[in-house]
C-alpha cells in the first residue's frame, strides 16, 4: 500500500463521516428544492397555518389532502421548516400511499 492509497482512504473516510458537512449539504439541498417550488410551497404553508388554527395540529398529509394535485417533490421537506412551527413530539403513519405508511411528524403553531 502506498502513502497515496492511505491518504485517499483517509480522505474517503473523512467524507463519509462528517456531520457538519452533512448538515450543510442538507440545508443547501433543501434551499434549492424550496426555491424551485416557491409559489406552491407558500400556498401549502398558508394552508398548513389555516389547518393548524382550525384543528390545533397539522401534518403534511393534511396539507396534501387540502390541496388536491399538490406536487412539491423534494421541497415538501421544507413545508414546516422555519416559520411559526413547533413539532408536538407526536408522530403518525402517513396515509398517502406513496409514503408507504412511513412516520410523519405532527406540528402545531408556536
PDB file of N, CA and C in Angstrom:
ATOM      1  N   UNK A   1       0.844  -1.173   0.000  1.00  0.00           N
ATOM      2  CA  UNK A   1       0.000   0.000   0.000  1.00  0.00           C
ATOM      3  C   UNK A   1       0.895   1.244   0.000  1.00  0.00           C
ATOM      4  N   UNK A   2       0.583   2.172  -0.862  1.00  0.00           N
ATOM      5  CA  UNK A   2       1.396   3.382  -0.949  1.00  0.00           C
ATOM      6  C   UNK A   2       0.830   4.450  -0.030  1.00  0.00           C
ATOM      7  N   UNK A   3       1.646   5.472   0.201  1.00  0.00           N
ATOM      8  CA  UNK A   3       1.170   6.589   1.014  1.00  0.00           C
ATOM      9  C   UNK A   3      -0.026   7.272   0.358  1.00  0.00           C
ATOM     10  N   UNK A   4      -0.029   7.307  -0.979  1.00  0.00           N
ATOM     11  CA  UNK A   4      -1.159   7.906  -1.697  1.00  0.00           C
ATOM     12  C   UNK A   4      -2.445   7.141  -1.419  1.00  0.00           C
ATOM     13  N   UNK A   5      -2.352   5.834  -1.381  1.00  0.00           N
ATOM     14  CA  UNK A   5      -3.524   4.987  -1.127  1.00  0.00           C
ATOM     15  C   UNK A   5      -4.064   5.230   0.283  1.00  0.00           C
ATOM     16  N   UNK A   6      -3.192   5.280   1.269  1.00  0.00           N
ATOM     17  CA  UNK A   6      -3.608   5.542   2.644  1.00  0.00           C
ATOM     18  C   UNK A   6      -4.247   6.918   2.724  1.00  0.00           C
ATOM     19  N   UNK A   7      -3.648   7.882   2.072  1.00  0.00           N
ATOM     20  CA  UNK A   7      -4.170   9.240   2.069  1.00  0.00           C
ATOM     21  C   UNK A   7      -5.569   9.270   1.453  1.00  0.00           C
ATOM     22  N   UNK A   8      -5.755   8.569   0.335  1.00  0.00           N
ATOM     23  CA  UNK A   8      -7.070   8.530  -0.316  1.00  0.00           C
ATOM     24  C   UNK A   8      -8.106   7.861   0.570  1.00  0.00           C
ATOM     25  N   UNK A   9      -7.728   6.763   1.237  1.00  0.00           N
ATOM     26  CA  UNK A   9      -8.654   6.074   2.126  1.00  0.00           C
ATOM     27  C   UNK A   9      -9.046   6.956   3.299  1.00  0.00           C
ATOM     28  N   UNK A  10      -8.097   7.686   3.842  1.00  0.00           N
ATOM     29  CA  UNK A  10      -8.399   8.574   4.964  1.00  0.00           C
ATOM     30  C   UNK A  10      -9.314   9.702   4.514  1.00  0.00           C
ATOM     31  N   UNK A  11      -9.101  10.208   3.316  1.00  0.00           N
ATOM     32  CA  UNK A  11      -9.959  11.264   2.793  1.00  0.00           C
ATOM     33  C   UNK A  11     -11.377  10.736   2.598  1.00  0.00           C
ATOM     34  N   UNK A  12     -11.504   9.531   2.029  1.00  0.00           N
ATOM     35  CA  UNK A  12     -12.820   8.934   1.833  1.00  0.00           C
ATOM     36  C   UNK A  12     -13.540   8.740   3.166  1.00  0.00           C
ATOM     37  N   UNK A  13     -12.824   8.259   4.176  1.00  0.00           N
ATOM     38  CA  UNK A  13     -13.430   8.046   5.490  1.00  0.00           C
ATOM     39  C   UNK A  13     -13.894   9.368   6.086  1.00  0.00           C
ATOM     40  N   UNK A  14     -13.099  10.407   5.911  1.00  0.00           N
ATOM     41  CA  UNK A  14     -13.480  11.713   6.441  1.00  0.00           C
ATOM     42  C   UNK A  14     -14.738  12.230   5.750  1.00  0.00           C
ATOM     43  N   UNK A  15     -14.878  11.946   4.459  1.00  0.00           N
ATOM     44  CA  UNK A  15     -16.064  12.396   3.734  1.00  0.00           C
ATOM     45  C   UNK A  15     -17.300  11.589   4.105  1.00  0.00           C
ATOM     46  N   UNK A  16     -17.137  10.355   4.451  1.00  0.00           N
ATOM     47  CA  UNK A  16     -18.267   9.503   4.782  1.00  0.00           C
ATOM     48  C   UNK A  16     -18.859   9.876   6.137  1.00  0.00           C
ATOM     49  N   UNK A  17     -18.023  10.309   7.078  1.00  0.00           N
ATOM     50  CA  UNK A  17     -18.491  10.632   8.421  1.00  0.00           C
ATOM     51  C   UNK A  17     -18.101  12.064   8.778  1.00  0.00           C
ATOM     52  N   UNK A  18     -18.967  13.000   8.437  1.00  0.00           N
ATOM     53  CA  UNK A  18     -18.719  14.407   8.742  1.00  0.00           C
ATOM     54  C   UNK A  18     -20.085  15.062   8.937  1.00  0.00           C
ATOM     55  N   UNK A  19     -20.553  15.101  10.176  1.00  0.00           N
ATOM     56  CA  UNK A  19     -21.898  15.598  10.468  1.00  0.00           C
ATOM     57  C   UNK A  19     -22.078  17.053  10.037  1.00  0.00           C
ATOM     58  N   UNK A  20     -21.071  17.890  10.264  1.00  0.00           N
ATOM     59  CA  UNK A  20     -21.188  19.295   9.862  1.00  0.00           C
ATOM     60  C   UNK A  20     -21.381  19.428   8.354  1.00  0.00           C
ATOM     61  N   UNK A  21     -20.606  18.659   7.607  1.00  0.00           N
ATOM     62  CA  UNK A  21     -20.739  18.696   6.144  1.00  0.00           C
ATOM     63  C   UNK A  21     -22.082  18.131   5.708  1.00  0.00           C
ATOM     64  N   UNK A  22     -22.531  17.083   6.353  1.00  0.00           N
ATOM     65  CA  UNK A  22     -23.834  16.503   6.031  1.00  0.00           C
ATOM     66  C   UNK A  22     -24.956  17.516   6.277  1.00  0.00           C
ATOM     67  N   UNK A  23     -24.882  18.223   7.390  1.00  0.00           N
ATOM     68  CA  UNK A  23     -25.897  19.244   7.706  1.00  0.00           C
ATOM     69  C   UNK A  23     -25.852  20.389   6.690  1.00  0.00           C
ATOM     70  N   UNK A  24     -24.655  20.778   6.293  1.00  0.00           N
ATOM     71  CA  UNK A  24     -24.510  21.860   5.304  1.00  0.00           C
ATOM     72  C   UNK A  24     -25.120  21.442   3.978  1.00  0.00           C
ATOM     73  N   UNK A  25     -24.800  20.237   3.527  1.00  0.00           N
ATOM     74  CA  UNK A  25     -25.345  19.751   2.263  1.00  0.00           C
ATOM     75  C   UNK A  25     -26.864  19.596   2.324  1.00  0.00           C
ATOM     76  N   UNK A  26     -27.375  19.169   3.459  1.00  0.00           N
ATOM     77  CA  UNK A  26     -28.825  19.045   3.637  1.00  0.00           C
ATOM     78  C   UNK A  26     -29.491  20.415   3.491  1.00  0.00           C
ATOM     79  N   UNK A  27     -28.954  21.399   4.193  1.00  0.00           N
ATOM     80  CA  UNK A  27     -29.518  22.753   4.139  1.00  0.00           C
ATOM     81  C   UNK A  27     -29.450  23.321   2.723  1.00  0.00           C
ATOM     82  N   UNK A  28     -28.329  23.111   2.051  1.00  0.00           N
ATOM     83  CA  UNK A  28     -28.188  23.590   0.673  1.00  0.00           C
ATOM     84  C   UNK A  28     -29.216  22.944  -0.240  1.00  0.00           C
ATOM     85  N   UNK A  29     -29.371  21.629  -0.119  1.00  0.00           N
ATOM     86  CA  UNK A  29     -30.324  20.908  -0.955  1.00  0.00           C
ATOM     87  C   UNK A  29     -31.756  21.331  -0.699  1.00  0.00           C
ATOM     88  N   UNK A  30     -32.086  21.533   0.562  1.00  0.00           N
ATOM     89  CA  UNK A  30     -33.446  21.960   0.900  1.00  0.00           C
ATOM     90  C   UNK A  30     -33.726  23.359   0.364  1.00  0.00           C
ATOM     91  N   UNK A  31     -32.728  24.237   0.419  1.00  0.00           N
ATOM     92  CA  UNK A  31     -32.903  25.600  -0.092  1.00  0.00           C
ATOM     93  C   UNK A  31     -33.136  25.586  -1.598  1.00  0.00           C
ATOM     94  N   UNK A  32     -32.373  24.791  -2.318  1.00  0.00           N
ATOM     95  CA  UNK A  32     -32.544  24.681  -3.773  1.00  0.00           C
ATOM     96  C   UNK A  32     -33.932  24.135  -4.098  1.00  0.00           C
ATOM     97  N   UNK A  33     -34.345  23.084  -3.408  1.00  0.00           N
ATOM     98  CA  UNK A  33     -35.660  22.480  -3.650  1.00  0.00           C
ATOM     99  C   UNK A  33     -36.778  23.465  -3.336  1.00  0.00           C
ATOM    100  N   UNK A  34     -36.666  24.179  -2.226  1.00  0.00           N
ATOM    101  CA  UNK A  34     -37.697  25.145  -1.838  1.00  0.00           C
ATOM    102  C   UNK A  34     -37.785  26.286  -2.849  1.00  0.00           C
ATOM    103  N   UNK A  35     -36.642  26.758  -3.329  1.00  0.00           N
ATOM    104  CA  UNK A  35     -36.634  27.833  -4.327  1.00  0.00           C
ATOM    105  C   UNK A  35     -37.326  27.398  -5.610  1.00  0.00           C
ATOM    106  N   UNK A  36     -37.147  26.144  -5.998  1.00  0.00           N
ATOM    107  CA  UNK A  36     -37.713  25.665  -7.254  1.00  0.00           C
ATOM    108  C   UNK A  36     -39.241  25.558  -7.190  1.00  0.00           C
ATOM    109  N   UNK A  37     -39.803  25.495  -6.000  1.00  0.00           N
ATOM    110  CA  UNK A  37     -41.254  25.362  -5.828  1.00  0.00           C
ATOM    111  C   UNK A  37     -41.818  26.470  -4.939  1.00  0.00           C
ATOM    112  N   UNK A  38     -41.196  27.629  -4.986  1.00  0.00           N
ATOM    113  CA  UNK A  38     -41.522  28.711  -4.055  1.00  0.00           C
ATOM    114  C   UNK A  38     -43.020  29.024  -3.969  1.00  0.00           C
ATOM    115  N   UNK A  39     -43.698  29.229  -5.081  1.00  0.00           N
ATOM    116  CA  UNK A  39     -45.114  29.641  -5.016  1.00  0.00           C
ATOM    117  C   UNK A  39     -45.994  28.520  -4.476  1.00  0.00           C
ATOM    118  N   UNK A  40     -45.752  27.283  -4.902  1.00  0.00           N
ATOM    119  CA  UNK A  40     -46.536  26.167  -4.388  1.00  0.00           C
ATOM    120  C   UNK A  40     -46.258  25.944  -2.898  1.00  0.00           C
ATOM    121  N   UNK A  41     -45.002  26.115  -2.492  1.00  0.00           N
ATOM    122  CA  UNK A  41     -44.639  25.945  -1.092  1.00  0.00           C
ATOM    123  C   UNK A  41     -45.304  27.015  -0.232  1.00  0.00           C
ATOM    124  N   UNK A  42     -45.360  28.252  -0.724  1.00  0.00           N
ATOM    125  CA  UNK A  42     -46.032  29.320   0.021  1.00  0.00           C
ATOM    126  C   UNK A  42     -47.517  29.022   0.181  1.00  0.00           C
ATOM    127  N   UNK A  43     -48.142  28.528  -0.870  1.00  0.00           N
ATOM    128  CA  UNK A  43     -49.568  28.163  -0.788  1.00  0.00           C
ATOM    129  C   UNK A  43     -49.763  27.030   0.230  1.00  0.00           C
ATOM    130  N   UNK A  44     -48.916  26.027   0.159  1.00  0.00           N
ATOM    131  CA  UNK A  44     -49.019  24.890   1.075  1.00  0.00           C
ATOM    132  C   UNK A  44     -48.818  25.333   2.520  1.00  0.00           C
ATOM    133  N   UNK A  45     -47.875  26.233   2.755  1.00  0.00           N
ATOM    134  CA  UNK A  45     -47.640  26.735   4.116  1.00  0.00           C
ATOM    135  C   UNK A  45     -48.843  27.515   4.621  1.00  0.00           C
ATOM    136  N   UNK A  46     -49.455  28.284   3.752  1.00  0.00           N
ATOM    137  CA  UNK A  46     -50.643  29.049   4.128  1.00  0.00           C
ATOM    138  C   UNK A  46     -51.783  28.108   4.521  1.00  0.00           C
ATOM    139  N   UNK A  47     -51.961  27.059   3.769  1.00  0.00           N
ATOM    140  CA  UNK A  47     -52.990  26.068   4.082  1.00  0.00           C
ATOM    141  C   UNK A  47     -52.659  25.372   5.400  1.00  0.00           C
ATOM    142  N   UNK A  48     -51.386  25.065   5.627  1.00  0.00           N
ATOM    143  CA  UNK A  48     -50.969  24.419   6.880  1.00  0.00           C
ATOM    144  C   UNK A  48     -51.311  25.293   8.083  1.00  0.00           C
ATOM    145  N   UNK A  49     -51.077  26.588   7.966  1.00  0.00           N
ATOM    146  CA  UNK A  49     -51.407  27.515   9.055  1.00  0.00           C
ATOM    147  C   UNK A  49     -52.914  27.508   9.316  1.00  0.00           C
ATOM    148  N   UNK A  50     -53.697  27.554   8.244  1.00  0.00           N
ATOM    149  CA  UNK A  50     -55.157  27.550   8.395  1.00  0.00           C
ATOM    150  C   UNK A  50     -55.624  26.270   9.105  1.00  0.00           C
ATOM    151  N   UNK A  51     -55.093  25.133   8.677  1.00  0.00           N
ATOM    152  CA  UNK A  51     -55.490  23.863   9.286  1.00  0.00           C
ATOM    153  C   UNK A  51     -55.086  23.827  10.762  1.00  0.00           C
ATOM    154  N   UNK A  52     -53.886  24.273  11.063  1.00  0.00           N
ATOM    155  CA  UNK A  52     -53.414  24.269  12.454  1.00  0.00           C
ATOM    156  C   UNK A  52     -54.273  25.180  13.321  1.00  0.00           C
ATOM    157  N   UNK A  53     -54.725  26.298  12.781  1.00  0.00           N
ATOM    158  CA  UNK A  53     -55.592  27.202  13.555  1.00  0.00           C
ATOM    159  C   UNK A  53     -56.950  26.559  13.800  1.00  0.00           C
ATOM    160  N   UNK A  54     -57.439  25.808  12.823  1.00  0.00           N
ATOM    161  CA  UNK A  54     -58.743  25.160  12.959  1.00  0.00           C
ATOM    162  C   UNK A  54     -58.697  23.952  13.892  1.00  0.00           C
ATOM    163  N   UNK A  55     -57.647  23.145  13.770  1.00  0.00           N
ATOM    164  CA  UNK A  55     -57.598  21.854  14.477  1.00  0.00           C
ATOM    165  C   UNK A  55     -56.607  21.813  15.634  1.00  0.00           C
ATOM    166  N   UNK A  56     -55.714  22.777  15.681  1.00  0.00           N
ATOM    167  CA  UNK A  56     -54.690  22.777  16.728  1.00  0.00           C
ATOM    168  C   UNK A  56     -53.394  22.121  16.295  1.00  0.00           C
ATOM    169  N   UNK A  57     -53.482  21.140  15.401  1.00  0.00           N
ATOM    170  CA  UNK A  57     -52.297  20.449  14.882  1.00  0.00           C
ATOM    171  C   UNK A  57     -52.474  20.207  13.386  1.00  0.00           C
ATOM    172  N   UNK A  58     -51.364  19.884  12.727  1.00  0.00           N
ATOM    173  CA  UNK A  58     -51.394  19.639  11.286  1.00  0.00           C
ATOM    174  C   UNK A  58     -50.254  18.699  10.908  1.00  0.00           C
ATOM    175  N   UNK A  59     -50.475  17.921   9.861  1.00  0.00           N
ATOM    176  CA  UNK A  59     -49.423  17.082   9.289  1.00  0.00           C
ATOM    177  C   UNK A  59     -49.306  17.406   7.801  1.00  0.00           C
ATOM    178  N   UNK A  60     -48.247  16.913   7.192  1.00  0.00           N
ATOM    179  CA  UNK A  60     -48.099  17.082   5.749  1.00  0.00           C
ATOM    180  C   UNK A  60     -49.259  16.416   5.015  1.00  0.00           C
ATOM    181  N   UNK A  61     -49.734  15.279   5.517  1.00  0.00           N
ATOM    182  CA  UNK A  61     -50.890  14.621   4.893  1.00  0.00           C
ATOM    183  C   UNK A  61     -52.095  15.555   4.854  1.00  0.00           C
ATOM    184  N   UNK A  62     -52.321  16.283   5.929  1.00  0.00           N
ATOM    185  CA  UNK A  62     -53.450  17.214   5.975  1.00  0.00           C
ATOM    186  C   UNK A  62     -53.353  18.253   4.862  1.00  0.00           C
ATOM    187  N   UNK A  63     -52.151  18.759   4.649  1.00  0.00           N
ATOM    188  CA  UNK A  63     -51.932  19.786   3.625  1.00  0.00           C
ATOM    189  C   UNK A  63     -52.154  19.198   2.238  1.00  0.00           C
ATOM    190  N   UNK A  64     -51.585  18.021   1.988  1.00  0.00           N
ATOM    191  CA  UNK A  64     -51.758  17.392   0.674  1.00  0.00           C
ATOM    192  C   UNK A  64     -53.216  17.018   0.422  1.00  0.00           C
ATOM    193  N   UNK A  65     -53.939  16.667   1.466  1.00  0.00           N
ATOM    194  CA  UNK A  65     -55.365  16.342   1.330  1.00  0.00           C
ATOM    195  C   UNK A  65     -56.156  17.614   0.985  1.00  0.00           C
ATOM    196  N   UNK A  66     -55.766  18.745   1.550  1.00  0.00           N
ATOM    197  CA  UNK A  66     -56.485  20.006   1.344  1.00  0.00           C
ATOM    198  C   UNK A  66     -56.216  20.631  -0.030  1.00  0.00           C
ATOM    199  N   UNK A  67     -55.088  20.253  -0.649  1.00  0.00           N
ATOM    200  CA  UNK A  67     -54.740  20.801  -1.966  1.00  0.00           C
ATOM    201  C   UNK A  67     -54.602  19.635  -2.950  1.00  0.00           C
ATOM    202  N   UNK A  68     -55.696  19.200  -3.531  1.00  0.00           N
ATOM    203  CA  UNK A  68     -55.621  18.076  -4.481  1.00  0.00           C
ATOM    204  C   UNK A  68     -54.642  18.389  -5.621  1.00  0.00           C
ATOM    205  N   UNK A  69     -53.825  17.410  -5.954  1.00  0.00           N
ATOM    206  CA  UNK A  69     -52.874  17.585  -7.048  1.00  0.00           C
ATOM    207  C   UNK A  69     -51.588  18.293  -6.662  1.00  0.00           C
ATOM    208  N   UNK A  70     -51.441  18.650  -5.397  1.00  0.00           N
ATOM    209  CA  UNK A  70     -50.224  19.336  -4.947  1.00  0.00           C
ATOM    210  C   UNK A  70     -49.009  18.439  -5.162  1.00  0.00           C
ATOM    211  N   UNK A  71     -48.012  18.986  -5.841  1.00  0.00           N
ATOM    212  CA  UNK A  71     -46.759  18.276  -6.057  1.00  0.00           C
ATOM    213  C   UNK A  71     -45.625  19.201  -5.635  1.00  0.00           C
ATOM    214  N   UNK A  72     -44.960  18.853  -4.543  1.00  0.00           N
ATOM    215  CA  UNK A  72     -43.832  19.658  -4.071  1.00  0.00           C
ATOM    216  C   UNK A  72     -42.499  18.970  -4.317  1.00  0.00           C
ATOM    217  N   UNK A  73     -42.523  17.677  -4.523  1.00  0.00           N
ATOM    218  CA  UNK A  73     -41.272  16.944  -4.694  1.00  0.00           C
ATOM    219  C   UNK A  73     -40.391  17.126  -3.474  1.00  0.00           C
ATOM    220  N   UNK A  74     -39.076  17.271  -3.681  1.00  0.00           N
ATOM    221  CA  UNK A  74     -38.165  17.424  -2.550  1.00  0.00           C
ATOM    222  C   UNK A  74     -38.450  18.666  -1.690  1.00  0.00           C
ATOM    223  N   UNK A  75     -39.161  19.643  -2.232  1.00  0.00           N
ATOM    224  CA  UNK A  75     -39.490  20.851  -1.469  1.00  0.00           C
ATOM    225  C   UNK A  75     -40.446  20.544  -0.321  1.00  0.00           C
ATOM    226  N   UNK A  76     -41.115  19.400  -0.349  1.00  0.00           N
ATOM    227  CA  UNK A  76     -42.033  19.033   0.730  1.00  0.00           C
ATOM    228  C   UNK A  76     -41.309  18.967   2.070  1.00  0.00           C
ATOM    229  N   UNK A  77     -40.033  18.669   2.050  1.00  0.00           N
ATOM    230  CA  UNK A  77     -39.254  18.630   3.283  1.00  0.00           C
ATOM    231  C   UNK A  77     -39.083  19.982   3.934  1.00  0.00           C
ATOM    232  N   UNK A  78     -39.413  21.039   3.209  1.00  0.00           N
ATOM    233  CA  UNK A  78     -39.296  22.395   3.746  1.00  0.00           C
ATOM    234  C   UNK A  78     -40.633  22.967   4.198  1.00  0.00           C
ATOM    235  N   UNK A  79     -41.687  22.185   4.099  1.00  0.00           N
ATOM    236  CA  UNK A  79     -43.034  22.676   4.415  1.00  0.00           C
ATOM    237  C   UNK A  79     -43.117  23.295   5.806  1.00  0.00           C
ATOM    238  N   UNK A  80     -42.583  22.635   6.810  1.00  0.00           N
ATOM    239  CA  UNK A  80     -42.668  23.128   8.189  1.00  0.00           C
ATOM    240  C   UNK A  80     -41.338  23.684   8.689  1.00  0.00           C
ATOM    241  N   UNK A  81     -40.404  23.916   7.790  1.00  0.00           N
ATOM    242  CA  UNK A  81     -39.074  24.398   8.170  1.00  0.00           C
ATOM    243  C   UNK A  81     -39.132  25.900   8.444  1.00  0.00           C
ATOM    244  N   UNK A  82     -38.618  26.295   9.592  1.00  0.00           N
ATOM    245  CA  UNK A  82     -38.648  27.714   9.938  1.00  0.00           C
ATOM    246  C   UNK A  82     -40.070  28.158  10.222  1.00  0.00           C
ATOM    247  N   UNK A  83     -40.268  29.413  10.262  1.00  0.00           N
ATOM    248  CA  UNK A  83     -41.612  29.923  10.440  1.00  0.00           C
ATOM    249  C   UNK A  83     -42.213  29.635  11.795  1.00  0.00           C
ATOM    250  N   UNK A  84     -43.547  29.552  11.839  1.00  0.00           N
ATOM    251  CA  UNK A  84     -44.257  29.503  13.118  1.00  0.00           C
ATOM    252  C   UNK A  84     -44.479  28.104  13.684  1.00  0.00           C
ATOM    253  N   UNK A  85     -43.645  27.125  13.333  1.00  0.00           N
ATOM    254  CA  UNK A  85     -43.944  25.736  13.666  1.00  0.00           C
ATOM    255  C   UNK A  85     -43.107  25.174  14.796  1.00  0.00           C
ATOM    256  N   UNK A  86     -43.745  24.295  15.547  1.00  0.00           N
ATOM    257  CA  UNK A  86     -43.049  23.505  16.555  1.00  0.00           C
ATOM    258  C   UNK A  86     -43.603  22.081  16.469  1.00  0.00           C
ATOM    259  N   UNK A  87     -42.707  21.125  16.525  1.00  0.00           N
ATOM    260  CA  UNK A  87     -43.131  19.726  16.485  1.00  0.00           C
ATOM    261  C   UNK A  87     -43.741  19.380  17.845  1.00  0.00           C
ATOM    262  N   UNK A  88     -44.852  18.671  17.807  1.00  0.00           N
ATOM    263  CA  UNK A  88     -45.530  18.299  19.057  1.00  0.00           C
ATOM    264  C   UNK A  88     -44.821  17.145  19.762  1.00  0.00           C
ATOM    265  N   UNK A  89     -43.928  16.486  19.044  1.00  0.00           N
ATOM    266  CA  UNK A  89     -43.290  15.288  19.581  1.00  0.00           C
ATOM    267  C   UNK A  89     -44.060  14.031  19.210  1.00  0.00           C
ATOM    268  N   UNK A  90     -45.203  14.223  18.584  1.00  0.00           N
ATOM    269  CA  UNK A  90     -46.019  13.091  18.151  1.00  0.00           C
ATOM    270  C   UNK A  90     -45.704  12.761  16.690  1.00  0.00           C
ATOM    271  N   UNK A  91     -45.871  11.500  16.371  1.00  0.00           N
ATOM    272  CA  UNK A  91     -45.705  11.012  15.008  1.00  0.00           C
ATOM    273  C   UNK A  91     -46.943  10.199  14.653  1.00  0.00           C
ATOM    274  N   UNK A  92     -47.253  10.145  13.380  1.00  0.00           N
ATOM    275  CA  UNK A  92     -48.326   9.256  12.933  1.00  0.00           C
ATOM    276  C   UNK A  92     -47.929   8.673  11.595  1.00  0.00           C
ATOM    277  N   UNK A  93     -48.548   7.575  11.245  1.00  0.00           N
ATOM    278  CA  UNK A  93     -48.259   6.957   9.961  1.00  0.00           C
ATOM    279  C   UNK A  93     -48.954   7.749   8.861  1.00  0.00           C
ATOM    280  N   UNK A  94     -48.205   8.019   7.807  1.00  0.00           N
ATOM    281  CA  UNK A  94     -48.783   8.712   6.668  1.00  0.00           C
ATOM    282  C   UNK A  94     -49.801   7.824   5.989  1.00  0.00           C
ATOM    283  N   UNK A  95     -50.903   8.423   5.593  1.00  0.00           N
ATOM    284  CA  UNK A  95     -51.950   7.691   4.885  1.00  0.00           C
ATOM    285  C   UNK A  95     -51.767   7.753   3.374  1.00  0.00           C
ATOM    286  N   UNK A  96     -50.827   8.589   2.916  1.00  0.00           N
ATOM    287  CA  UNK A  96     -50.577   8.699   1.479  1.00  0.00           C
ATOM    288  C   UNK A  96     -49.893   7.413   1.009  1.00  0.00           C
ATOM    289  N   UNK A  97     -50.477   6.783   0.016  1.00  0.00           N
ATOM    290  CA  UNK A  97     -49.970   5.511  -0.479  1.00  0.00           C
ATOM    291  C   UNK A  97     -48.499   5.629  -0.884  1.00  0.00           C
ATOM    292  N   UNK A  98     -48.129   6.733  -1.510  1.00  0.00           N
ATOM    293  CA  UNK A  98     -46.748   6.903  -1.980  1.00  0.00           C
ATOM    294  C   UNK A  98     -45.744   6.988  -0.833  1.00  0.00           C
ATOM    295  N   UNK A  99     -46.219   7.250   0.378  1.00  0.00           N
ATOM    296  CA  UNK A  99     -45.325   7.325   1.544  1.00  0.00           C
ATOM    297  C   UNK A  99     -45.147   5.979   2.248  1.00  0.00           C
ATOM    298  N   UNK A 100     -45.863   4.970   1.796  1.00  0.00           N
ATOM    299  CA  UNK A 100     -45.718   3.611   2.337  1.00  0.00           C
ATOM    300  C   UNK A 100     -45.851   3.558   3.854  1.00  0.00           C
ATOM    301  N   UNK A 101     -46.783   4.330   4.395  1.00  0.00           N
ATOM    302  CA  UNK A 101     -47.100   4.349   5.827  1.00  0.00           C
ATOM    303  C   UNK A 101     -45.921   4.763   6.707  1.00  0.00           C
ATOM    304  N   UNK A 102     -44.987   5.532   6.150  1.00  0.00           N
ATOM    305  CA  UNK A 102     -43.859   5.985   6.972  1.00  0.00           C
ATOM    306  C   UNK A 102     -44.344   6.982   8.015  1.00  0.00           C
ATOM    307  N   UNK A 103     -43.582   7.128   9.076  1.00  0.00           N
ATOM    308  CA  UNK A 103     -43.949   8.044  10.159  1.00  0.00           C
ATOM    309  C   UNK A 103     -43.722   9.490   9.729  1.00  0.00           C
ATOM    310  N   UNK A 104     -44.701  10.332  10.013  1.00  0.00           N
ATOM    311  CA  UNK A 104     -44.577  11.772   9.753  1.00  0.00           C
ATOM    312  C   UNK A 104     -44.844  12.512  11.056  1.00  0.00           C
ATOM    313  N   UNK A 105     -44.280  13.689  11.171  1.00  0.00           N
ATOM    314  CA  UNK A 105     -44.427  14.487  12.382  1.00  0.00           C
ATOM    315  C   UNK A 105     -45.774  15.201  12.431  1.00  0.00           C
ATOM    316  N   UNK A 106     -46.203  15.471  13.636  1.00  0.00           N
ATOM    317  CA  UNK A 106     -47.397  16.273  13.875  1.00  0.00           C
ATOM    318  C   UNK A 106     -46.901  17.632  14.373  1.00  0.00           C
ATOM    319  N   UNK A 107     -47.395  18.693  13.756  1.00  0.00           N
ATOM    320  CA  UNK A 107     -46.929  20.060  14.035  1.00  0.00           C
ATOM    321  C   UNK A 107     -48.029  20.923  14.625  1.00  0.00           C
ATOM    322  N   UNK A 108     -47.624  21.968  15.343  1.00  0.00           N
ATOM    323  CA  UNK A 108     -48.556  22.977  15.815  1.00  0.00           C
ATOM    324  C   UNK A 108     -47.897  24.350  15.700  1.00  0.00           C
ATOM    325  N   UNK A 109     -48.729  25.367  15.737  1.00  0.00           N
ATOM    326  CA  UNK A 109     -48.202  26.736  15.693  1.00  0.00           C
ATOM    327  C   UNK A 109     -47.548  27.085  17.024  1.00  0.00           C
ATOM    328  N   UNK A 110     -46.485  27.861  16.986  1.00  0.00           N
ATOM    329  CA  UNK A 110     -45.809  28.299  18.211  1.00  0.00           C
ATOM    330  C   UNK A 110     -46.716  29.193  19.022  1.00  0.00           C
TER     331      UNK A 110
END
